[in-house]
C-alpha atoms as a PDB file:
ATOM      1  CA  MET A   1      53.694   1.865  38.838  1.00  0.00           C
ATOM      2  CA  THR A   2      51.211   4.657  38.150  1.00  0.00           C
ATOM      3  CA  LEU A   3      48.726   3.040  40.523  1.00  0.00           C
ATOM      4  CA  LEU A   4      51.325   2.698  43.255  1.00  0.00           C
ATOM      5  CA  ILE A   5      52.524   6.292  42.942  1.00  0.00           C
ATOM      6  CA  THR A   6      49.027   7.785  42.951  1.00  0.00           C
ATOM      7  CA  VAL A   7      47.921   5.636  45.901  1.00  0.00           C
ATOM      8  CA  PHE A   8      50.945   6.835  47.901  1.00  0.00           C
ATOM      9  CA  ALA A   9      50.130  10.432  46.938  1.00  0.00           C
ATOM     10  CA  ALA A  10      46.489   9.897  47.927  1.00  0.00           C
ATOM     11  CA  VAL A  11      47.440   8.450  51.305  1.00  0.00           C
ATOM     12  CA  ILE A  12      49.862  11.302  52.012  1.00  0.00           C
ATOM     13  CA  ALA A  13      47.311  13.931  50.933  1.00  0.00           C
ATOM     14  CA  THR A  14      44.622  12.287  53.062  1.00  0.00           C
ATOM     15  CA  THR A  15      46.938  12.226  56.079  1.00  0.00           C
ATOM     16  CA  VAL A  16      47.754  15.927  55.631  1.00  0.00           C
ATOM     17  CA  TRP A  17      44.046  16.696  55.197  1.00  0.00           C
ATOM     18  CA  TYR A  18      43.117  14.734  58.315  1.00  0.00           C
ATOM     19  CA  LYS A  19      45.798  16.381  60.467  1.00  0.00           C
ATOM     20  CA  GLY A  20      44.581  19.863  59.502  1.00  0.00           C
ATOM     21  CA  MET A  21      40.902  18.937  59.501  1.00  0.00           C
ATOM     22  CA  PRO A  22      39.392  21.321  62.045  1.00  0.00           C
ATOM     23  CA  LYS A  23      40.663  24.416  60.242  1.00  0.00           C
ATOM     24  CA  ASN A  24      41.304  23.056  56.727  1.00  0.00           C
ATOM     25  CA  GLU A  25      42.913  26.362  55.732  1.00  0.00           C
ATOM     26  CA  LEU A  26      44.904  24.909  52.845  1.00  0.00           C
ATOM     27  CA  ARG A  27      41.904  23.149  51.303  1.00  0.00           C
ATOM     28  CA  THR A  28      43.738  19.837  50.944  1.00  0.00           C
ATOM     29  CA  GLY A  29      40.432  18.032  50.441  1.00  0.00           C
ATOM     30  CA  ILE A  30      40.577  18.811  46.707  1.00  0.00           C
ATOM     31  CA  LEU A  31      44.012  17.202  46.591  1.00  0.00           C
ATOM     32  CA  CYS A  32      42.592  14.061  48.210  1.00  0.00           C
ATOM     33  CA  TRP A  33      39.776  13.898  45.655  1.00  0.00           C
ATOM     34  CA  LEU A  34      42.206  14.341  42.756  1.00  0.00           C
ATOM     35  CA  TYR A  35      44.594  11.620  43.916  1.00  0.00           C
ATOM     36  CA  TRP A  36      41.930   9.133  44.990  1.00  0.00           C
ATOM     37  CA  GLY A  37      40.174   9.666  41.661  1.00  0.00           C
ATOM     38  CA  ALA A  38      43.426   9.042  39.809  1.00  0.00           C
ATOM     39  CA  SER A  39      44.035   5.940  41.937  1.00  0.00           C
ATOM     40  CA  ILE A  40      40.618   4.538  41.049  1.00  0.00           C
ATOM     41  CA  MET A  41      41.250   5.294  37.385  1.00  0.00           C
ATOM     42  CA  TRP A  42      44.611   3.477  37.436  1.00  0.00           C
ATOM     43  CA  PHE A  43      43.072   0.568  39.363  1.00  0.00           C
ATOM     44  CA  VAL A  44      40.387   0.095  36.712  1.00  0.00           C
ATOM     45  CA  ASP A  45      43.093   0.330  34.056  1.00  0.00           C
ATOM     46  CA  ALA A  46      45.130  -2.342  35.872  1.00  0.00           C
ATOM     47  CA  VAL A  47      42.115  -4.663  36.110  1.00  0.00           C
ATOM     48  CA  PHE A  48      41.417  -4.411  32.394  1.00  0.00           C
ATOM     49  CA  GLU A  49      45.079  -4.763  31.489  1.00  0.00           C
ATOM     50  CA  TYR A  50      45.352  -7.841  33.702  1.00  0.00           C
ATOM     51  CA  ALA A  51      42.278  -9.307  32.011  1.00  0.00           C
ATOM     52  CA  GLU A  52      43.984  -8.760  28.664  1.00  0.00           C
ATOM     53  CA  LEU A  53      47.549  -9.866  29.515  1.00  0.00           C
ATOM     54  CA  GLY A  54      47.036 -12.356  32.309  1.00  0.00           C
ATOM     55  CA  ALA A  55      50.113 -13.215  34.365  1.00  0.00           C
ATOM     56  CA  ALA A  56      52.337 -11.225  31.975  1.00  0.00           C
ATOM     57  CA  TYR A  57      50.913  -8.100  33.617  1.00  0.00           C
ATOM     58  CA  PHE A  58      53.145  -8.723  36.650  1.00  0.00           C
ATOM     59  CA  THR A  59      56.379  -8.916  34.618  1.00  0.00           C
ATOM     60  CA  PRO A  60      56.589  -5.612  32.733  1.00  0.00           C
ATOM     61  CA  ASP A  61      59.600  -4.582  30.709  1.00  0.00           C
ATOM     62  CA  PRO A  62      61.949  -2.093  32.413  1.00  0.00           C
ATOM     63  CA  ILE A  63      61.173   0.570  29.802  1.00  0.00           C
ATOM     64  CA  ASP A  64      57.446   0.175  30.510  1.00  0.00           C
ATOM     65  CA  MET A  65      58.084   0.559  34.232  1.00  0.00           C
ATOM     66  CA  LEU A  66      60.121   3.703  33.583  1.00  0.00           C
ATOM     67  CA  ASN A  67      57.356   5.148  31.399  1.00  0.00           C
ATOM     68  CA  ASP A  68      54.750   4.311  34.029  1.00  0.00           C
ATOM     69  CA  THR A  69      56.895   5.947  36.710  1.00  0.00           C
ATOM     70  CA  PHE A  70      57.172   9.152  34.703  1.00  0.00           C
ATOM     71  CA  LEU A  71      53.438   9.079  34.025  1.00  0.00           C
ATOM     72  CA  GLY A  72      52.657   8.581  37.713  1.00  0.00           C
ATOM     73  CA  LEU A  73      54.937  11.440  38.712  1.00  0.00           C
ATOM     74  CA  ALA A  74      53.380  13.647  36.023  1.00  0.00           C
ATOM     75  CA  VAL A  75      49.907  12.888  37.386  1.00  0.00           C
ATOM     76  CA  VAL A  76      51.026  13.791  40.917  1.00  0.00           C
ATOM     77  CA  ALA A  77      52.633  17.007  39.658  1.00  0.00           C
ATOM     78  CA  LEU A  78      49.508  17.943  37.687  1.00  0.00           C
ATOM     79  CA  GLY A  79      47.381  17.352  40.779  1.00  0.00           C
ATOM     80  CA  LEU A  80      49.664  19.636  42.787  1.00  0.00           C
ATOM     81  CA  ILE A  81      49.486  22.314  40.085  1.00  0.00           C
ATOM     82  CA  ILE A  82      45.674  22.170  40.026  1.00  0.00           C
ATOM     83  CA  TRP A  83      45.590  22.392  43.829  1.00  0.00           C
ATOM     84  CA  VAL A  84      48.004  25.347  43.975  1.00  0.00           C
ATOM     85  CA  VAL A  85      46.122  27.260  41.263  1.00  0.00           C
ATOM     86  CA  ARG A  86      42.827  26.673  43.075  1.00  0.00           C
ATOM     87  CA  LEU A  87      44.444  27.718  46.350  1.00  0.00           C
ATOM     88  CA  LEU A  88      45.745  30.931  44.802  1.00  0.00           C
ATOM     89  CA  VAL A  89      42.412  31.729  43.162  1.00  0.00           C
ATOM     90  CA  THR A  90      40.286  31.121  46.257  1.00  0.00           C
ATOM     91  CA  ASP A  91      42.926  32.623  48.602  1.00  0.00           C
ATOM     92  CA  PRO A  92      41.412  31.244  51.840  1.00  0.00           C
ATOM     93  CA  LYS A  93      43.788  33.131  54.142  1.00  0.00           C
ATOM     94  CA  GLY A  94      43.511  36.389  52.183  1.00  0.00           C
ATOM     95  CA  VAL A  95      47.271  36.644  51.700  1.00  0.00           C
ATOM     96  CA  ILE A  96      47.162  37.574  48.024  1.00  0.00           C
ATOM     97  CA  ARG A  97      44.283  40.007  48.552  1.00  0.00           C
ATOM     98  CA  ASP A  98      46.184  41.747  51.360  1.00  0.00           C
ATOM     99  CA  LEU A  99      49.363  41.816  49.300  1.00  0.00           C
ATOM    100  CA  LEU A 100      47.603  43.393  46.336  1.00  0.00           C
ATOM    101  CA  PHE A 101      45.730  45.989  48.382  1.00  0.00           C
ATOM    102  CA  HIS A 102      48.707  46.948  50.540  1.00  0.00           C
ATOM    103  CA  LYS A 103      50.923  47.202  47.495  1.00  0.00           C
ATOM    104  CA  GLY A 104      48.420  49.540  45.865  1.00  0.00           C
ATOM    105  CA  GLU A 105      48.170  51.665  49.029  1.00  0.00           C
ATOM    106  CA  ASN A 106      51.942  51.872  49.386  1.00  0.00           C
ATOM    107  CA  ALA A 107      52.391  52.902  45.772  1.00  0.00           C
ATOM    108  CA  GLY A 108      49.788  55.656  46.191  1.00  0.00           C
ATOM    109  CA  SER A 109      51.395  57.000  49.347  1.00  0.00           C
ATOM    110  CA  LYS A 110      54.822  57.170  47.654  1.00  0.00           C
ATOM    111  CA  ASP A 111      53.345  59.231  44.826  1.00  0.00           C
ATOM    112  CA  GLU A 112      51.750  61.621  47.331  1.00  0.00           C
ATOM    113  CA  LYS A 113      55.049  62.091  49.174  1.00  0.00           C
ATOM    114  CA  THR A 114      56.929  63.008  46.006  1.00  0.00           C
ATOM    115  CA  ALA A 115      54.247  65.418  44.792  1.00  0.00           C
END
């Protein structure tokens, strides 16, 4: 389940990255790398687990499937958090920088008007 969820997330992130490729303002490439890396990790895990369990790998218990689903969703959420933090730190569109500088200028002009 973790492999399936991360592969879907990787495909969606890659599609979004490809559609916005000429500009790439949101820097979705990092999201692609995170999800494809997680997909490869889960694939290797599945290969080794299949080597250990054999055909029983394809008939997991419902509780194991639920745990794997939560783990897959947690990995996708963590990838989104890492991407958003990186996006806010790099601020490619300059939105945060403009907000901080304009806020500082506005606060200074209000103090001058009251003085």
